[in-house]
Amino acid sequence: ADSAQESFASFTAWTRRKYLFYHQFSGLYQDDRSRELRTQALKIPGVSRYPQRVWVGDRFVESDSLLQGFRSSRFCFAIAGRKGGATRKFYDAVAHGCIPVVIMDQWRFSFSPFSGHVRHEDYAIFVPEERWLNDLPGVIRELEDMPYHKLAVRYRALRDVAPFLVYDRPDSHALGAVLLWELKGNCGINFPPDIHDERIYPVGVPLQRRLVRPGLNGTAVAQSLLAQSGPRALAWRQDPVF
């Protein structure tokens, strides 16, 4: 709770954070694409106007140093992991009031929490992977030049969404929301093994239709669970404690 209050003390205090850019990675659990994307972050000091305000590295650091990095930075990079997968650095950034800069083309389609209910574009910044690789100076310049009024809008949106995405704060709604979301998505539903995110949402192909965005309603979720015919749903109806 104390760390959350420190992270979102005030916008004025937030603008005084020591570092503009932060990213640390160990090199573990990466494939060639992930390694290429993450290694690009090491070039930021060479293209930034303020290299003294850049904290990036590719070596293991202790938890206390990681925490300090998130708490003292304005922008934190969340870069794709193995097979384009999500990284917990996104949630670390949100928890400590650091605007996430997401370099992960599949994130909004395959990994974004509560898609359709949370406008992630309001607080996070999304950079296409190809632009990150081919126009790093342009990306960094746009972030450095972001006007204060736009920073303030993102900061406030980040502050407002944090209770839905992180757990260790007294106003968190994350656990209940995740449980409902997972129950709705998984109870009694088995996808064929050949269905992967890449087939459902291929990279570079725009969505052809807008998804319906209903409100998250616990009663409606429970009713939909009762209507399921899968083995988990049947077991749940027989024994709700299950």
Protein backbone atom coordinates (compact mmCIF):
# COMPACT_ATOMS: atom_id res chain seq x y z
CA ALA A 1 0.00 0.00 0.00
CA ASP A 2 2.82 2.41 0.83
CA SER A 3 4.54 1.76 -2.49
CA ALA A 4 1.31 2.42 -4.38
CA GLN A 5 0.84 5.74 -2.58
CA GLU A 6 4.43 6.73 -3.37
CA SER A 7 4.03 5.78 -7.03
CA PHE A 8 0.90 7.92 -7.48
CA ALA A 9 1.63 10.76 -5.04
CA SER A 10 0.99 13.61 -7.50
CA PHE A 11 1.66 14.45 -11.13
CA THR A 12 4.06 17.23 -10.11
CA ALA A 13 6.13 14.80 -8.05
CA TRP A 14 5.96 12.24 -10.87
CA THR A 15 7.49 14.69 -13.38
CA ARG A 16 10.53 14.99 -11.10
CA ARG A 17 11.45 11.33 -11.44
CA LYS A 18 15.17 10.91 -12.05
CA TYR A 19 14.99 8.74 -15.17
CA LEU A 20 13.08 9.13 -18.41
CA PHE A 21 13.55 5.56 -19.68
CA TYR A 22 13.98 2.25 -17.89
CA HIS A 23 14.45 -1.35 -19.00
CA GLN A 24 16.38 -4.30 -17.57
CA PHE A 25 16.43 -7.82 -18.98
CA SER A 26 18.45 -10.93 -18.20
CA GLY A 27 18.37 -12.65 -21.60
CA LEU A 28 16.53 -15.66 -20.22
CA TYR A 29 13.37 -17.13 -21.76
CA GLN A 30 13.90 -15.34 -25.09
CA ASP A 31 13.89 -16.48 -28.69
CA ASP A 32 15.76 -14.70 -31.49
CA ARG A 33 12.99 -12.17 -32.12
CA SER A 34 12.63 -11.27 -28.46
CA ARG A 35 16.38 -10.94 -28.07
CA GLU A 36 16.50 -8.64 -31.11
CA LEU A 37 13.74 -6.42 -29.73
CA ARG A 38 15.15 -6.24 -26.21
CA THR A 39 18.72 -5.64 -27.31
CA GLN A 40 17.49 -2.57 -29.18
CA ALA A 41 16.83 -0.93 -25.80
CA LEU A 42 20.58 -0.89 -25.15
CA LYS A 43 20.92 1.66 -27.97
CA ILE A 44 18.70 4.24 -26.27
CA PRO A 45 21.55 6.14 -24.52
CA GLY A 46 23.11 6.74 -27.92
CA VAL A 47 19.99 8.34 -29.41
CA SER A 48 18.54 10.13 -26.37
CA ARG A 49 19.11 13.83 -25.74
CA TYR A 50 19.44 12.95 -22.06
CA PRO A 51 21.62 9.82 -21.82
CA GLN A 52 22.17 10.50 -18.12
CA ARG A 53 18.44 9.89 -17.61
CA VAL A 54 18.43 6.46 -19.28
CA TRP A 55 18.68 3.30 -17.17
CA VAL A 56 18.91 0.19 -19.36
CA GLY A 57 20.87 -3.03 -19.02
CA ASP A 58 21.11 -6.70 -19.96
CA ARG A 59 22.42 -8.15 -16.70
CA PHE A 60 20.67 -9.68 -13.71
CA VAL A 61 19.93 -7.14 -10.99
CA GLU A 62 18.55 -7.62 -7.50
CA SER A 63 14.88 -7.03 -6.75
CA ASP A 64 15.55 -3.83 -4.82
CA SER A 65 17.30 -2.31 -7.86
CA LEU A 66 14.47 -3.36 -10.14
CA LEU A 67 11.95 -1.77 -7.81
CA GLN A 68 13.95 1.45 -7.66
CA GLY A 69 14.10 1.56 -11.45
CA PHE A 70 10.33 1.35 -11.85
CA ARG A 71 9.68 3.87 -9.07
CA SER A 72 12.13 6.47 -10.39
CA SER A 73 11.35 6.35 -14.14
CA ARG A 74 8.80 8.04 -16.35
CA PHE A 75 8.61 5.49 -19.20
CA CYS A 76 9.18 1.74 -18.72
CA PHE A 77 9.53 -0.57 -21.71
CA ALA A 78 7.53 -3.80 -21.86
CA ILE A 79 9.11 -5.75 -24.72
CA ALA A 80 7.87 -9.04 -26.18
CA GLY A 81 9.18 -12.26 -24.70
CA ARG A 82 9.43 -15.73 -26.20
CA LYS A 83 7.14 -16.23 -29.23
CA GLY A 84 5.93 -12.64 -28.87
CA GLY A 85 4.52 -13.41 -25.43
CA ALA A 86 3.67 -11.05 -22.62
CA THR A 87 6.08 -9.82 -19.96
CA ARG A 88 5.38 -9.06 -16.31
CA LYS A 89 7.30 -5.79 -16.72
CA PHE A 90 4.04 -4.32 -17.99
CA TYR A 91 2.40 -4.94 -14.62
CA ASP A 92 5.51 -3.85 -12.72
CA ALA A 93 5.33 -0.54 -14.57
CA VAL A 94 1.63 -0.07 -13.84
CA ALA A 95 2.09 -0.93 -10.17
CA HIS A 96 4.75 1.74 -9.72
CA GLY A 97 3.26 4.55 -11.79
CA CYS A 98 5.61 4.22 -14.77
CA ILE A 99 3.95 4.67 -18.17
CA PRO A 100 4.30 1.33 -20.03
CA VAL A 101 5.79 1.56 -23.53
CA VAL A 102 4.67 -1.71 -25.11
CA ILE A 103 6.75 -3.18 -27.95
CA MET A 104 4.69 -6.30 -28.55
CA ASP A 105 2.49 -6.46 -31.64
CA GLN A 106 0.28 -9.25 -30.28
CA TRP A 107 -0.34 -7.67 -26.87
CA ARG A 108 -3.59 -5.82 -27.51
CA PHE A 109 -5.11 -8.81 -29.34
CA SER A 110 -3.86 -11.75 -27.29
CA PHE A 111 -2.53 -10.64 -23.90
CA SER A 112 -4.26 -7.42 -22.85
CA PRO A 113 -6.26 -7.92 -19.62
CA PHE A 114 -9.98 -7.18 -19.78
CA SER A 115 -9.88 -6.19 -23.44
CA GLY A 116 -13.13 -4.47 -24.31
CA HIS A 117 -13.50 -3.15 -20.77
CA VAL A 118 -10.26 -1.19 -20.25
CA ARG A 119 -8.95 1.38 -22.73
CA HIS A 120 -5.26 0.54 -22.56
CA GLU A 121 -4.43 3.19 -25.17
CA ASP A 122 -5.37 5.89 -22.66
CA TYR A 123 -2.41 5.23 -20.38
CA ALA A 124 0.04 2.97 -22.26
CA ILE A 125 2.03 3.72 -25.41
CA PHE A 126 2.20 1.12 -28.18
CA VAL A 127 5.13 1.04 -30.59
CA PRO A 128 5.06 -1.38 -33.56
CA GLU A 129 7.94 -3.83 -33.44
CA GLU A 130 9.20 -2.86 -36.90
CA ARG A 131 9.26 0.82 -36.03
CA TRP A 132 11.14 0.04 -32.81
CA LEU A 133 13.80 -1.78 -34.85
CA ASN A 134 14.02 0.71 -37.72
CA ASP A 135 13.24 4.12 -36.20
CA LEU A 136 14.49 4.06 -32.62
CA PRO A 137 15.62 7.73 -32.69
CA GLY A 138 12.13 8.77 -33.79
CA VAL A 139 10.46 6.73 -31.06
CA ILE A 140 12.68 8.16 -28.32
CA ARG A 141 12.33 11.70 -29.63
CA GLU A 142 8.52 11.48 -29.54
CA LEU A 143 8.61 10.27 -25.94
CA GLU A 144 11.08 12.98 -24.90
CA ASP A 145 8.99 15.67 -26.60
CA MET A 146 5.61 14.59 -25.21
CA PRO A 147 3.95 17.76 -23.83
CA TYR A 148 3.17 17.96 -20.14
CA HIS A 149 -0.58 18.10 -20.70
CA LYS A 150 -0.46 14.79 -22.59
CA LEU A 151 1.75 13.26 -19.92
CA ALA A 152 -0.77 14.39 -17.32
CA VAL A 153 -3.64 12.70 -19.17
CA ARG A 154 -1.73 9.40 -19.36
CA TYR A 155 -0.59 9.65 -15.75
CA ARG A 156 -4.15 10.12 -14.50
CA ALA A 157 -5.44 7.28 -16.70
CA LEU A 158 -2.66 5.05 -15.33
CA ARG A 159 -3.54 6.00 -11.77
CA ASP A 160 -7.21 5.19 -12.41
CA VAL A 161 -6.61 1.80 -14.04
CA ALA A 162 -4.01 0.53 -11.56
CA PRO A 163 -6.58 -0.89 -9.06
CA PHE A 164 -7.90 -3.19 -11.81
CA LEU A 165 -4.49 -4.52 -12.86
CA VAL A 166 -2.39 -4.90 -9.69
CA TYR A 167 -3.02 -6.70 -6.41
CA ASP A 168 -1.04 -5.27 -3.49
CA ARG A 169 -3.00 -2.09 -2.87
CA PRO A 170 -6.02 -1.56 -0.62
CA ASP A 171 -8.29 -0.38 -3.45
CA SER A 172 -7.48 -3.29 -5.78
CA HIS A 173 -10.31 -4.98 -7.71
CA ALA A 174 -7.88 -7.15 -9.67
CA LEU A 175 -8.44 -10.53 -8.03
CA GLY A 176 -12.22 -10.55 -8.36
CA ALA A 177 -12.08 -9.27 -11.92
CA VAL A 178 -9.50 -11.89 -12.94
CA LEU A 179 -11.51 -14.74 -11.41
CA LEU A 180 -14.67 -13.72 -13.27
CA TRP A 181 -12.74 -13.22 -16.50
CA GLU A 182 -10.99 -16.60 -16.28
CA LEU A 183 -14.19 -18.43 -15.38
CA LYS A 184 -16.04 -16.91 -18.27
CA GLY A 185 -13.23 -17.67 -20.70
CA ASN A 186 -12.25 -21.19 -19.63
CA CYS A 187 -15.01 -23.06 -17.84
CA GLY A 188 -16.22 -25.83 -20.14
CA ILE A 189 -14.42 -24.47 -23.22
CA ASN A 190 -11.68 -26.48 -24.94
CA PHE A 191 -9.98 -25.05 -28.01
CA PRO A 192 -8.47 -27.47 -30.57
CA PRO A 193 -4.68 -27.81 -30.17
CA ASP A 194 -4.04 -26.30 -33.60
CA ILE A 195 -5.67 -22.96 -32.68
CA HIS A 196 -3.02 -20.42 -31.72
CA ASP A 197 -2.98 -16.66 -31.23
CA GLU A 198 -1.11 -16.25 -34.51
CA ARG A 199 -4.02 -17.81 -36.40
CA ILE A 200 -6.72 -15.89 -34.53
CA TYR A 201 -4.96 -12.50 -34.67
CA PRO A 202 -2.14 -12.64 -37.25
CA VAL A 203 0.48 -9.91 -36.97
CA GLY A 204 0.03 -7.07 -39.43
CA VAL A 205 -3.56 -7.95 -40.38
CA PRO A 206 -6.12 -5.41 -39.12
CA LEU A 207 -9.24 -6.67 -37.40
CA GLN A 208 -12.19 -6.72 -39.79
CA ARG A 209 -14.84 -5.91 -37.20
CA ARG A 210 -15.13 -4.28 -33.82
CA LEU A 211 -15.65 -6.61 -30.90
CA VAL A 212 -18.78 -6.20 -28.83
CA ARG A 213 -17.91 -4.48 -25.55
CA PRO A 214 -20.47 -5.53 -22.93
CA GLY A 215 -20.07 -4.49 -19.32
CA LEU A 216 -18.51 -7.01 -16.95
CA ASN A 217 -21.51 -8.29 -14.98
CA GLY A 218 -21.01 -10.96 -12.32
CA THR A 219 -24.61 -12.23 -12.53
CA ALA A 220 -24.39 -12.59 -16.30
CA VAL A 221 -21.09 -14.44 -15.99
CA ALA A 222 -22.58 -16.87 -13.45
CA GLN A 223 -25.61 -17.49 -15.69
CA SER A 224 -23.36 -18.17 -18.67
CA LEU A 225 -21.39 -20.67 -16.56
CA LEU A 226 -24.59 -22.52 -15.66
CA ALA A 227 -25.40 -22.79 -19.36
CA GLN A 228 -22.05 -24.41 -20.21
CA SER A 229 -21.94 -28.16 -20.90
CA GLY A 230 -18.22 -28.84 -20.47
CA PRO A 231 -16.88 -31.13 -17.72
CA ARG A 232 -15.76 -28.26 -15.47
CA ALA A 233 -19.13 -26.55 -15.69
CA LEU A 234 -20.96 -29.82 -14.93
CA ALA A 235 -18.73 -30.46 -11.91
CA TRP A 236 -19.29 -26.88 -10.72
CA ARG A 237 -23.08 -27.26 -10.92
CA GLN A 238 -22.94 -30.46 -8.87
CA ASP A 239 -20.57 -28.96 -6.30
CA PRO A 240 -20.24 -25.13 -6.40
CA VAL A 241 -17.32 -25.34 -3.98
CA PHE A 242 -15.42 -27.13 -6.75
